[in-house]
Amino acid sequence: LSLSVSPSPFFSSAKVSFNLPVSDKVVIEVYDIQGRLAKK
């Protein structure tokens, strides 16, 4: 299992890539530096 986000820093959009060795439920969320949910 792995997760990568690129490029960093980025401007308008970024690519979030993840690998799953087996089928699974995946939740990906983005939080700001204060720990508040910014995007699901």
Full PDB file with SEQRES, HELIX, SHEET, SSBOND, CRYST1, ORIGX, SCALE, CONECT and MASTER records, all heavy atoms in Angstrom:
SEQRES   1 A   40  LEU SER LEU SER VAL SER PRO SER PRO PHE PHE SER SER          
SEQRES   2 A   40  ALA LYS VAL SER PHE ASN LEU PRO VAL SER ASP LYS VAL          
SEQRES   3 A   40  VAL ILE GLU VAL TYR ASP ILE GLN GLY ARG LEU ALA LYS          
SEQRES   4 A   40  LYS                                                          
SHEET    1 AA1 2 SER A   2  SER A   6  0                                        
SHEET    2 AA1 2 LYS A  15  ASN A  19 -1                                        
SHEET    1 AA2 2 VAL A  30  TYR A  31  0                                        
SHEET    2 AA2 2 LEU A  37  LYS A  39 -1                                        
CRYST1    1.000    1.000    1.000  90.00  90.00  90.00 P 1           1          
ORIGX1      1.000000  0.000000  0.000000        0.00000                         
ORIGX2      0.000000  1.000000  0.000000        0.00000                         
ORIGX3      0.000000  0.000000  1.000000        0.00000                         
SCALE1      1.000000  0.000000  0.000000        0.00000                         
SCALE2      0.000000  1.000000  0.000000        0.00000                         
SCALE3      0.000000  0.000000  1.000000        0.00000                         
ATOM      1  N   LEU A   1       0.836  -1.187   0.000  1.00  0.00           N  
ATOM      2  CA  LEU A   1       0.000   0.000   0.000  1.00  0.00           C  
ATOM      3  C   LEU A   1       0.876   1.244   0.000  1.00  0.00           C  
ATOM      4  O   LEU A   1       1.856   1.320   0.745  1.00  0.00           O  
ATOM      5  CB  LEU A   1      -0.890  -0.008   1.246  1.00  0.00           C  
ATOM      6  CG  LEU A   1      -1.992   1.032   1.352  1.00  0.00           C  
ATOM      7  CD1 LEU A   1      -3.091   0.730   0.349  1.00  0.00           C  
ATOM      8  CD2 LEU A   1      -2.554   1.039   2.765  1.00  0.00           C  
ATOM      9  N   SER A   2       0.539   2.233  -0.825  1.00  0.00           N  
ATOM     10  CA  SER A   2       1.335   3.458  -0.860  1.00  0.00           C  
ATOM     11  C   SER A   2       0.475   4.636  -1.290  1.00  0.00           C  
ATOM     12  O   SER A   2      -0.582   4.469  -1.910  1.00  0.00           O  
ATOM     13  CB  SER A   2       2.527   3.311  -1.804  1.00  0.00           C  
ATOM     14  OG  SER A   2       2.096   3.141  -3.143  1.00  0.00           O  
ATOM     15  N   LEU A   3       0.949   5.845  -0.974  1.00  0.00           N  
ATOM     16  CA  LEU A   3       0.270   7.093  -1.321  1.00  0.00           C  
ATOM     17  C   LEU A   3       1.315   8.132  -1.691  1.00  0.00           C  
ATOM     18  O   LEU A   3       2.342   8.259  -1.022  1.00  0.00           O  
ATOM     19  CB  LEU A   3      -0.554   7.591  -0.124  1.00  0.00           C  
ATOM     20  CG  LEU A   3      -1.143   9.003  -0.231  1.00  0.00           C  
ATOM     21  CD1 LEU A   3      -2.257   9.034  -1.280  1.00  0.00           C  
ATOM     22  CD2 LEU A   3      -1.671   9.465   1.125  1.00  0.00           C  
ATOM     23  N   SER A   4       1.068   8.880  -2.771  1.00  0.00           N  
ATOM     24  CA  SER A   4       1.962   9.963  -3.162  1.00  0.00           C  
ATOM     25  C   SER A   4       1.140  11.142  -3.672  1.00  0.00           C  
ATOM     26  O   SER A   4       0.042  10.960  -4.222  1.00  0.00           O  
ATOM     27  CB  SER A   4       2.952   9.512  -4.244  1.00  0.00           C  
ATOM     28  OG  SER A   4       2.269   9.173  -5.433  1.00  0.00           O  
ATOM     29  N   VAL A   5       1.665  12.361  -3.459  1.00  0.00           N  
ATOM     30  CA  VAL A   5       1.025  13.587  -3.928  1.00  0.00           C  
ATOM     31  C   VAL A   5       2.076  14.424  -4.621  1.00  0.00           C  
ATOM     32  O   VAL A   5       3.149  14.686  -4.061  1.00  0.00           O  
ATOM     33  CB  VAL A   5       0.397  14.379  -2.763  1.00  0.00           C  
ATOM     34  CG1 VAL A   5      -0.372  15.581  -3.297  1.00  0.00           C  
ATOM     35  CG2 VAL A   5      -0.503  13.496  -1.926  1.00  0.00           C  
ATOM     36  N   SER A   6       1.809  14.854  -5.833  1.00  0.00           N  
ATOM     37  CA  SER A   6       2.797  15.627  -6.595  1.00  0.00           C  
ATOM     38  C   SER A   6       2.097  16.607  -7.535  1.00  0.00           C  
ATOM     39  O   SER A   6       0.927  16.396  -7.896  1.00  0.00           O  
ATOM     40  CB  SER A   6       3.673  14.662  -7.413  1.00  0.00           C  
ATOM     41  OG  SER A   6       2.878  13.956  -8.359  1.00  0.00           O  
ATOM     42  N   PRO A   7       2.801  17.704  -7.942  1.00  0.00           N  
ATOM     43  CA  PRO A   7       4.099  18.143  -7.403  1.00  0.00           C  
ATOM     44  C   PRO A   7       3.924  18.838  -6.066  1.00  0.00           C  
ATOM     45  O   PRO A   7       2.800  19.121  -5.662  1.00  0.00           O  
ATOM     46  CB  PRO A   7       4.580  19.112  -8.474  1.00  0.00           C  
ATOM     47  CG  PRO A   7       3.314  19.712  -9.000  1.00  0.00           C  
ATOM     48  CD  PRO A   7       2.299  18.618  -8.979  1.00  0.00           C  
ATOM     49  N   SER A   8       5.012  19.133  -5.417  1.00  0.00           N  
ATOM     50  CA  SER A   8       4.968  19.890  -4.183  1.00  0.00           C  
ATOM     51  C   SER A   8       6.145  20.857  -4.150  1.00  0.00           C  
ATOM     52  O   SER A   8       7.302  20.407  -4.246  1.00  0.00           O  
ATOM     53  CB  SER A   8       5.043  18.971  -2.975  1.00  0.00           C  
ATOM     54  OG  SER A   8       4.907  19.698  -1.778  1.00  0.00           O  
ATOM     55  N   PRO A   9       5.869  22.172  -4.062  1.00  0.00           N  
ATOM     56  CA  PRO A   9       4.550  22.795  -3.973  1.00  0.00           C  
ATOM     57  C   PRO A   9       3.800  22.710  -5.308  1.00  0.00           C  
ATOM     58  O   PRO A   9       4.387  22.489  -6.348  1.00  0.00           O  
ATOM     59  CB  PRO A   9       4.862  24.235  -3.588  1.00  0.00           C  
ATOM     60  CG  PRO A   9       6.219  24.480  -4.152  1.00  0.00           C  
ATOM     61  CD  PRO A   9       6.956  23.174  -4.014  1.00  0.00           C  
ATOM     62  N   PHE A  10       2.471  22.936  -5.260  1.00  0.00           N  
ATOM     63  CA  PHE A  10       1.681  22.952  -6.479  1.00  0.00           C  
ATOM     64  C   PHE A  10       0.800  24.197  -6.479  1.00  0.00           C  
ATOM     65  O   PHE A  10       0.617  24.856  -5.452  1.00  0.00           O  
ATOM     66  CB  PHE A  10       0.839  21.681  -6.597  1.00  0.00           C  
ATOM     67  CG  PHE A  10      -0.357  21.634  -5.692  1.00  0.00           C  
ATOM     68  CD1 PHE A  10      -1.628  21.928  -6.169  1.00  0.00           C  
ATOM     69  CD2 PHE A  10      -0.227  21.299  -4.353  1.00  0.00           C  
ATOM     70  CE1 PHE A  10      -2.735  21.885  -5.347  1.00  0.00           C  
ATOM     71  CE2 PHE A  10      -1.332  21.246  -3.526  1.00  0.00           C  
ATOM     72  CZ  PHE A  10      -2.591  21.547  -4.018  1.00  0.00           C  
ATOM     73  N   PHE A  11       0.254  24.525  -7.646  1.00  0.00           N  
ATOM     74  CA  PHE A  11      -0.537  25.744  -7.784  1.00  0.00           C  
ATOM     75  C   PHE A  11      -2.034  25.431  -7.881  1.00  0.00           C  
ATOM     76  O   PHE A  11      -2.734  25.462  -6.882  1.00  0.00           O  
ATOM     77  CB  PHE A  11      -0.054  26.549  -8.991  1.00  0.00           C  
ATOM     78  CG  PHE A  11       1.331  27.098  -8.780  1.00  0.00           C  
ATOM     79  CD1 PHE A  11       2.446  26.382  -9.187  1.00  0.00           C  
ATOM     80  CD2 PHE A  11       1.523  28.316  -8.144  1.00  0.00           C  
ATOM     81  CE1 PHE A  11       3.726  26.881  -8.983  1.00  0.00           C  
ATOM     82  CE2 PHE A  11       2.801  28.818  -7.928  1.00  0.00           C  
ATOM     83  CZ  PHE A  11       3.911  28.096  -8.348  1.00  0.00           C  
ATOM     84  N   SER A  12      -2.538  25.081  -9.021  1.00  0.00           N  
ATOM     85  CA  SER A  12      -3.982  24.901  -9.148  1.00  0.00           C  
ATOM     86  C   SER A  12      -4.437  23.476  -8.872  1.00  0.00           C  
ATOM     87  O   SER A  12      -5.527  23.253  -8.344  1.00  0.00           O  
ATOM     88  CB  SER A  12      -4.452  25.331 -10.538  1.00  0.00           C  
ATOM     89  OG  SER A  12      -3.816  24.546 -11.533  1.00  0.00           O  
ATOM     90  N   SER A  13      -3.616  22.489  -9.232  1.00  0.00           N  
ATOM     91  CA  SER A  13      -4.034  21.100  -9.045  1.00  0.00           C  
ATOM     92  C   SER A  13      -2.835  20.219  -8.743  1.00  0.00           C  
ATOM     93  O   SER A  13      -1.695  20.545  -9.104  1.00  0.00           O  
ATOM     94  CB  SER A  13      -4.775  20.579 -10.279  1.00  0.00           C  
ATOM     95  OG  SER A  13      -3.920  20.564 -11.403  1.00  0.00           O  
ATOM     96  N   ALA A  14      -3.130  19.087  -8.085  1.00  0.00           N  
ATOM     97  CA  ALA A  14      -2.091  18.115  -7.759  1.00  0.00           C  
ATOM     98  C   ALA A  14      -2.609  16.724  -8.093  1.00  0.00           C  
ATOM     99  O   ALA A  14      -3.815  16.484  -8.183  1.00  0.00           O  
ATOM    100  CB  ALA A  14      -1.699  18.200  -6.287  1.00  0.00           C  
ATOM    101  N   LYS A  15      -1.684  15.806  -8.283  1.00  0.00           N  
ATOM    102  CA  LYS A  15      -2.022  14.426  -8.592  1.00  0.00           C  
ATOM    103  C   LYS A  15      -1.853  13.579  -7.335  1.00  0.00           C  
ATOM    104  O   LYS A  15      -0.754  13.496  -6.774  1.00  0.00           O  
ATOM    105  CB  LYS A  15      -1.139  13.907  -9.721  1.00  0.00           C  
ATOM    106  CG  LYS A  15      -1.488  12.484 -10.162  1.00  0.00           C  
ATOM    107  CD  LYS A  15      -0.767  12.103 -11.445  1.00  0.00           C  
ATOM    108  CE  LYS A  15       0.728  11.963 -11.227  1.00  0.00           C  
ATOM    109  NZ  LYS A  15       1.401  11.424 -12.417  1.00  0.00           N  
ATOM    110  N   VAL A  16      -2.948  12.960  -6.892  1.00  0.00           N  
ATOM    111  CA  VAL A  16      -2.922  12.075  -5.734  1.00  0.00           C  
ATOM    112  C   VAL A  16      -2.974  10.637  -6.251  1.00  0.00           C  
ATOM    113  O   VAL A  16      -3.959  10.226  -6.863  1.00  0.00           O  
ATOM    114  CB  VAL A  16      -4.118  12.353  -4.800  1.00  0.00           C  
ATOM    115  CG1 VAL A  16      -4.100  11.404  -3.604  1.00  0.00           C  
ATOM    116  CG2 VAL A  16      -4.099  13.805  -4.331  1.00  0.00           C  
ATOM    117  N   SER A  17      -1.901   9.889  -6.035  1.00  0.00           N  
ATOM    118  CA  SER A  17      -1.802   8.520  -6.540  1.00  0.00           C  
ATOM    119  C   SER A  17      -1.695   7.552  -5.371  1.00  0.00           C  
ATOM    120  O   SER A  17      -1.024   7.836  -4.368  1.00  0.00           O  
ATOM    121  CB  SER A  17      -0.577   8.365  -7.448  1.00  0.00           C  
ATOM    122  OG  SER A  17      -0.647   9.267  -8.537  1.00  0.00           O  
ATOM    123  N   PHE A  18      -2.369   6.401  -5.498  1.00  0.00           N  
ATOM    124  CA  PHE A  18      -2.272   5.394  -4.447  1.00  0.00           C  
ATOM    125  C   PHE A  18      -2.302   4.000  -5.056  1.00  0.00           C  
ATOM    126  O   PHE A  18      -2.901   3.771  -6.108  1.00  0.00           O  
ATOM    127  CB  PHE A  18      -3.388   5.552  -3.404  1.00  0.00           C  
ATOM    128  CG  PHE A  18      -4.788   5.490  -3.937  1.00  0.00           C  
ATOM    129  CD1 PHE A  18      -5.514   4.302  -3.916  1.00  0.00           C  
ATOM    130  CD2 PHE A  18      -5.395   6.624  -4.456  1.00  0.00           C  
ATOM    131  CE1 PHE A  18      -6.809   4.248  -4.395  1.00  0.00           C  
ATOM    132  CE2 PHE A  18      -6.701   6.580  -4.932  1.00  0.00           C  
ATOM    133  CZ  PHE A  18      -7.408   5.396  -4.913  1.00  0.00           C  
ATOM    134  N   ASN A  19      -1.596   3.081  -4.399  1.00  0.00           N  
ATOM    135  CA  ASN A  19      -1.502   1.687  -4.830  1.00  0.00           C  
ATOM    136  C   ASN A  19      -2.165   0.785  -3.796  1.00  0.00           C  
ATOM    137  O   ASN A  19      -1.960   0.943  -2.584  1.00  0.00           O  
ATOM    138  CB  ASN A  19      -0.037   1.268  -4.993  1.00  0.00           C  
ATOM    139  CG  ASN A  19       0.629   1.994  -6.144  1.00  0.00           C  
ATOM    140  OD1 ASN A  19       0.008   2.241  -7.171  1.00  0.00           O  
ATOM    141  ND2 ASN A  19       1.904   2.343  -5.970  1.00  0.00           N  
ATOM    142  N   LEU A  20      -2.964  -0.175  -4.284  1.00  0.00           N  
ATOM    143  CA  LEU A  20      -3.633  -1.137  -3.414  1.00  0.00           C  
ATOM    144  C   LEU A  20      -3.206  -2.553  -3.795  1.00  0.00           C  
ATOM    145  O   LEU A  20      -3.440  -2.983  -4.927  1.00  0.00           O  
ATOM    146  CB  LEU A  20      -5.151  -1.028  -3.558  1.00  0.00           C  
ATOM    147  CG  LEU A  20      -5.823   0.276  -3.119  1.00  0.00           C  
ATOM    148  CD1 LEU A  20      -7.314   0.210  -3.439  1.00  0.00           C  
ATOM    149  CD2 LEU A  20      -5.614   0.511  -1.640  1.00  0.00           C  
ATOM    150  N   PRO A  21      -2.612  -3.286  -2.887  1.00  0.00           N  
ATOM    151  CA  PRO A  21      -2.271  -4.686  -3.193  1.00  0.00           C  
ATOM    152  C   PRO A  21      -3.493  -5.591  -3.240  1.00  0.00           C  
ATOM    153  O   PRO A  21      -3.475  -6.630  -3.895  1.00  0.00           O  
ATOM    154  CB  PRO A  21      -1.327  -5.072  -2.057  1.00  0.00           C  
ATOM    155  CG  PRO A  21      -1.652  -4.144  -0.949  1.00  0.00           C  
ATOM    156  CD  PRO A  21      -2.099  -2.862  -1.576  1.00  0.00           C  
ATOM    157  N   VAL A  22      -4.582  -5.196  -2.533  1.00  0.00           N  
ATOM    158  CA  VAL A  22      -5.847  -5.941  -2.564  1.00  0.00           C  
ATOM    159  C   VAL A  22      -6.984  -4.938  -2.651  1.00  0.00           C  
ATOM    160  O   VAL A  22      -6.823  -3.767  -2.305  1.00  0.00           O  
ATOM    161  CB  VAL A  22      -6.032  -6.827  -1.306  1.00  0.00           C  
ATOM    162  CG1 VAL A  22      -4.961  -7.889  -1.219  1.00  0.00           C  
ATOM    163  CG2 VAL A  22      -6.060  -5.977  -0.045  1.00  0.00           C  
ATOM    164  N   SER A  23      -8.128  -5.375  -3.123  1.00  0.00           N  
ATOM    165  CA  SER A  23      -9.303  -4.502  -3.175  1.00  0.00           C  
ATOM    166  C   SER A  23      -9.656  -4.051  -1.770  1.00  0.00           C  
ATOM    167  O   SER A  23      -9.595  -4.823  -0.814  1.00  0.00           O  
ATOM    168  CB  SER A  23     -10.476  -5.238  -3.806  1.00  0.00           C  
ATOM    169  OG  SER A  23     -10.160  -5.653  -5.114  1.00  0.00           O  
ATOM    170  N   ASP A  24     -10.050  -2.791  -1.654  1.00  0.00           N  
ATOM    171  CA  ASP A  24     -10.296  -2.254  -0.324  1.00  0.00           C  
ATOM    172  C   ASP A  24     -11.129  -0.984  -0.429  1.00  0.00           C  
ATOM    173  O   ASP A  24     -11.215  -0.376  -1.500  1.00  0.00           O  
ATOM    174  CB  ASP A  24      -8.969  -1.932   0.374  1.00  0.00           C  
ATOM    175  CG  ASP A  24      -9.063  -2.058   1.887  1.00  0.00           C  
ATOM    176  OD1 ASP A  24     -10.195  -2.035   2.413  1.00  0.00           O  
ATOM    177  OD2 ASP A  24      -8.014  -2.179   2.534  1.00  0.00           O  
ATOM    178  N   LYS A  25     -11.744  -0.582   0.688  1.00  0.00           N  
ATOM    179  CA  LYS A  25     -12.401   0.710   0.749  1.00  0.00           C  
ATOM    180  C   LYS A  25     -11.345   1.761   1.046  1.00  0.00           C  
ATOM    181  O   LYS A  25     -10.508   1.593   1.937  1.00  0.00           O  
ATOM    182  CB  LYS A  25     -13.488   0.751   1.820  1.00  0.00           C  
ATOM    183  CG  LYS A  25     -14.222   2.088   1.868  1.00  0.00           C  
ATOM    184  CD  LYS A  25     -15.354   2.096   2.871  1.00  0.00           C  
ATOM    185  CE  LYS A  25     -16.071   3.445   2.838  1.00  0.00           C  
ATOM    186  NZ  LYS A  25     -17.195   3.505   3.799  1.00  0.00           N  
ATOM    187  N   VAL A  26     -11.388   2.870   0.313  1.00  0.00           N  
ATOM    188  CA  VAL A  26     -10.390   3.932   0.448  1.00  0.00           C  
ATOM    189  C   VAL A  26     -11.110   5.249   0.738  1.00  0.00           C  
ATOM    190  O   VAL A  26     -12.059   5.618   0.042  1.00  0.00           O  
ATOM    191  CB  VAL A  26      -9.534   4.069  -0.820  1.00  0.00           C  
ATOM    192  CG1 VAL A  26      -8.579   5.249  -0.694  1.00  0.00           C  
ATOM    193  CG2 VAL A  26      -8.765   2.783  -1.078  1.00  0.00           C  
ATOM    194  N   VAL A  27     -10.654   5.942   1.773  1.00  0.00           N  
ATOM    195  CA  VAL A  27     -11.119   7.295   2.076  1.00  0.00           C  
ATOM    196  C   VAL A  27      -9.909   8.215   2.000  1.00  0.00           C  
ATOM    197  O   VAL A  27      -8.886   7.963   2.643  1.00  0.00           O  
ATOM    198  CB  VAL A  27     -11.759   7.381   3.474  1.00  0.00           C  
ATOM    199  CG1 VAL A  27     -12.160   8.820   3.796  1.00  0.00           C  
ATOM    200  CG2 VAL A  27     -12.962   6.456   3.576  1.00  0.00           C  
ATOM    201  N   ILE A  28      -9.994   9.265   1.184  1.00  0.00           N  
ATOM    202  CA  ILE A  28      -8.912  10.244   1.073  1.00  0.00           C  
ATOM    203  C   ILE A  28      -9.479  11.612   1.420  1.00  0.00           C  
ATOM    204  O   ILE A  28     -10.444  12.074   0.802  1.00  0.00           O  
ATOM    205  CB  ILE A  28      -8.279  10.253  -0.328  1.00  0.00           C  
ATOM    206  CG1 ILE A  28      -7.641   8.893  -0.626  1.00  0.00           C  
ATOM    207  CG2 ILE A  28      -7.225  11.361  -0.427  1.00  0.00           C  
ATOM    208  CD1 ILE A  28      -6.972   8.809  -1.982  1.00  0.00           C  
ATOM    209  N   GLU A  29      -8.884  12.252   2.419  1.00  0.00           N  
ATOM    210  CA  GLU A  29      -9.321  13.561   2.893  1.00  0.00           C  
ATOM    211  C   GLU A  29      -8.139  14.505   2.987  1.00  0.00           C  
ATOM    212  O   GLU A  29      -6.987  14.072   3.167  1.00  0.00           O  
ATOM    213  CB  GLU A  29      -9.989  13.433   4.265  1.00  0.00           C  
ATOM    214  CG  GLU A  29     -11.225  12.550   4.271  1.00  0.00           C  
ATOM    215  CD  GLU A  29     -11.734  12.252   5.657  1.00  0.00           C  
ATOM    216  OE1 GLU A  29     -10.899  12.177   6.594  1.00  0.00           O  
ATOM    217  OE2 GLU A  29     -12.957  12.089   5.816  1.00  0.00           O  
ATOM    218  N   VAL A  30      -8.422  15.805   2.876  1.00  0.00           N  
ATOM    219  CA  VAL A  30      -7.392  16.837   2.969  1.00  0.00           C  
ATOM    220  C   VAL A  30      -7.703  17.710   4.177  1.00  0.00           C  
ATOM    221  O   VAL A  30      -8.843  18.166   4.349  1.00  0.00           O  
ATOM    222  CB  VAL A  30      -7.350  17.697   1.696  1.00  0.00           C  
ATOM    223  CG1 VAL A  30      -6.279  18.784   1.833  1.00  0.00           C  
ATOM    224  CG2 VAL A  30      -7.073  16.833   0.475  1.00  0.00           C  
ATOM    225  N   TYR A  31      -6.687  17.942   5.010  1.00  0.00           N  
ATOM    226  CA  TYR A  31      -6.837  18.770   6.206  1.00  0.00           C  
ATOM    227  C   TYR A  31      -5.880  19.957   6.137  1.00  0.00           C  
ATOM    228  O   TYR A  31      -4.770  19.844   5.576  1.00  0.00           O  
ATOM    229  CB  TYR A  31      -6.538  17.962   7.475  1.00  0.00           C  
ATOM    230  CG  TYR A  31      -7.550  16.882   7.742  1.00  0.00           C  
ATOM    231  CD1 TYR A  31      -7.446  15.645   7.119  1.00  0.00           C  
ATOM    232  CD2 TYR A  31      -8.607  17.112   8.609  1.00  0.00           C  
ATOM    233  CE1 TYR A  31      -8.387  14.643   7.359  1.00  0.00           C  
ATOM    234  CE2 TYR A  31      -9.555  16.109   8.858  1.00  0.00           C  
ATOM    235  CZ  TYR A  31      -9.435  14.889   8.233  1.00  0.00           C  
ATOM    236  OH  TYR A  31     -10.360  13.914   8.470  1.00  0.00           O  
ATOM    237  N   ASP A  32      -6.297  21.103   6.709  1.00  0.00           N  
ATOM    238  CA  ASP A  32      -5.380  22.226   6.775  1.00  0.00           C  
ATOM    239  C   ASP A  32      -4.446  22.053   7.969  1.00  0.00           C  
ATOM    240  O   ASP A  32      -4.556  21.079   8.726  1.00  0.00           O  
ATOM    241  CB  ASP A  32      -6.126  23.561   6.816  1.00  0.00           C  
ATOM    242  CG  ASP A  32      -6.978  23.732   8.074  1.00  0.00           C  
ATOM    243  OD1 ASP A  32      -6.733  23.021   9.075  1.00  0.00           O  
ATOM    244  OD2 ASP A  32      -7.897  24.571   8.055  1.00  0.00           O  
ATOM    245  N   ILE A  33      -3.563  22.996   8.152  1.00  0.00           N  
ATOM    246  CA  ILE A  33      -2.525  22.864   9.186  1.00  0.00           C  
ATOM    247  C   ILE A  33      -3.121  22.908  10.596  1.00  0.00           C  
ATOM    248  O   ILE A  33      -2.504  22.471  11.564  1.00  0.00           O  
ATOM    249  CB  ILE A  33      -1.448  23.954   9.016  1.00  0.00           C  
ATOM    250  CG1 ILE A  33      -0.154  23.558   9.737  1.00  0.00           C  
ATOM    251  CG2 ILE A  33      -1.974  25.303   9.487  1.00  0.00           C  
ATOM    252  CD1 ILE A  33       0.524  22.346   9.144  1.00  0.00           C  
ATOM    253  N   GLN A  34      -4.375  23.413  10.721  1.00  0.00           N  
ATOM    254  CA  GLN A  34      -5.052  23.456  12.016  1.00  0.00           C  
ATOM    255  C   GLN A  34      -5.815  22.165  12.308  1.00  0.00           C  
ATOM    256  O   GLN A  34      -6.456  22.034  13.350  1.00  0.00           O  
ATOM    257  CB  GLN A  34      -6.021  24.642  12.046  1.00  0.00           C  
ATOM    258  CG  GLN A  34      -5.385  25.997  11.781  1.00  0.00           C  
ATOM    259  CD  GLN A  34      -4.325  26.343  12.810  1.00  0.00           C  
ATOM    260  OE1 GLN A  34      -4.488  26.032  13.989  1.00  0.00           O  
ATOM    261  NE2 GLN A  34      -3.253  26.977  12.377  1.00  0.00           N  
ATOM    262  N   GLY A  35      -5.760  21.210  11.365  1.00  0.00           N  
ATOM    263  CA  GLY A  35      -6.453  19.952  11.555  1.00  0.00           C  
ATOM    264  C   GLY A  35      -7.901  19.975  11.136  1.00  0.00           C  
ATOM    265  O   GLY A  35      -8.651  19.043  11.425  1.00  0.00           O  
ATOM    266  N   ARG A  36      -8.334  21.031  10.418  1.00  0.00           N  
ATOM    267  CA  ARG A  36      -9.713  21.124   9.957  1.00  0.00           C  
ATOM    268  C   ARG A  36      -9.856  20.482   8.584  1.00  0.00           C  
ATOM    269  O   ARG A  36      -8.990  20.650   7.723  1.00  0.00           O  
ATOM    270  CB  ARG A  36     -10.146  22.591   9.891  1.00  0.00           C  
ATOM    271  CG  ARG A  36     -10.177  23.280  11.256  1.00  0.00           C  
ATOM    272  CD  ARG A  36     -10.386  24.766  11.144  1.00  0.00           C  
ATOM    273  NE  ARG A  36      -9.299  25.399  10.398  1.00  0.00           N  
ATOM    274  CZ  ARG A  36      -9.043  26.705  10.418  1.00  0.00           C  
ATOM    275  NH1 ARG A  36      -9.822  27.518  11.131  1.00  0.00           N  
ATOM    276  NH2 ARG A  36      -8.042  27.205   9.713  1.00  0.00           N  
ATOM    277  N   LEU A  37     -10.962  19.769   8.395  1.00  0.00           N  
ATOM    278  CA  LEU A  37     -11.197  19.121   7.107  1.00  0.00           C  
ATOM    279  C   LEU A  37     -11.397  20.174   6.032  1.00  0.00           C  
ATOM    280  O   LEU A  37     -12.294  21.019   6.125  1.00  0.00           O  
ATOM    281  CB  LEU A  37     -12.435  18.217   7.203  1.00  0.00           C  
ATOM    282  CG  LEU A  37     -12.825  17.476   5.921  1.00  0.00           C  
ATOM    283  CD1 LEU A  37     -11.738  16.474   5.530  1.00  0.00           C  
ATOM    284  CD2 LEU A  37     -14.161  16.748   6.108  1.00  0.00           C  
ATOM    285  N   ALA A  38     -10.560  20.128   4.987  1.00  0.00           N  
ATOM    286  CA  ALA A  38     -10.644  21.089   3.890  1.00  0.00           C  
ATOM    287  C   ALA A  38     -11.331  20.505   2.664  1.00  0.00           C  
ATOM    288  O   ALA A  38     -11.988  21.221   1.912  1.00  0.00           O  
ATOM    289  CB  ALA A  38      -9.246  21.585   3.511  1.00  0.00           C  
ATOM    290  N   LYS A  39     -11.186  19.209   2.446  1.00  0.00           N  
ATOM    291  CA  LYS A  39     -11.790  18.592   1.269  1.00  0.00           C  
ATOM    292  C   LYS A  39     -11.838  17.086   1.460  1.00  0.00           C  
ATOM    293  O   LYS A  39     -10.902  16.493   1.998  1.00  0.00           O  
ATOM    294  CB  LYS A  39     -10.975  18.922   0.013  1.00  0.00           C  
ATOM    295  CG  LYS A  39     -11.664  18.560  -1.303  1.00  0.00           C  
ATOM    296  CD  LYS A  39     -10.818  19.013  -2.483  1.00  0.00           C  
ATOM    297  CE  LYS A  39     -11.532  18.844  -3.792  1.00  0.00           C  
ATOM    298  NZ  LYS A  39     -12.682  19.743  -3.937  1.00  0.00           N  
ATOM    299  N   LYS A  40     -12.958  16.481   1.036  1.00  0.00           N  
ATOM    300  CA  LYS A  40     -13.067  15.026   1.017  1.00  0.00           C  
ATOM    301  C   LYS A  40     -12.995  14.598  -0.431  1.00  0.00           C  
ATOM    302  O   LYS A  40     -13.894  14.894  -1.227  1.00  0.00           O  
ATOM    303  CB  LYS A  40     -14.382  14.569   1.653  1.00  0.00           C  
ATOM    304  CG  LYS A  40     -14.427  13.070   1.911  1.00  0.00           C  
ATOM    305  CD  LYS A  40     -15.495  12.726   2.928  1.00  0.00           C  
ATOM    306  CE  LYS A  40     -15.355  11.275   3.376  1.00  0.00           C  
ATOM    307  NZ  LYS A  40     -16.253  10.941   4.490  1.00  0.00           N  
TER     308      LYS A  40                                                      
MASTER        0    0    0    0    4    0    0    6  307    1    0    4          
END                                                                             
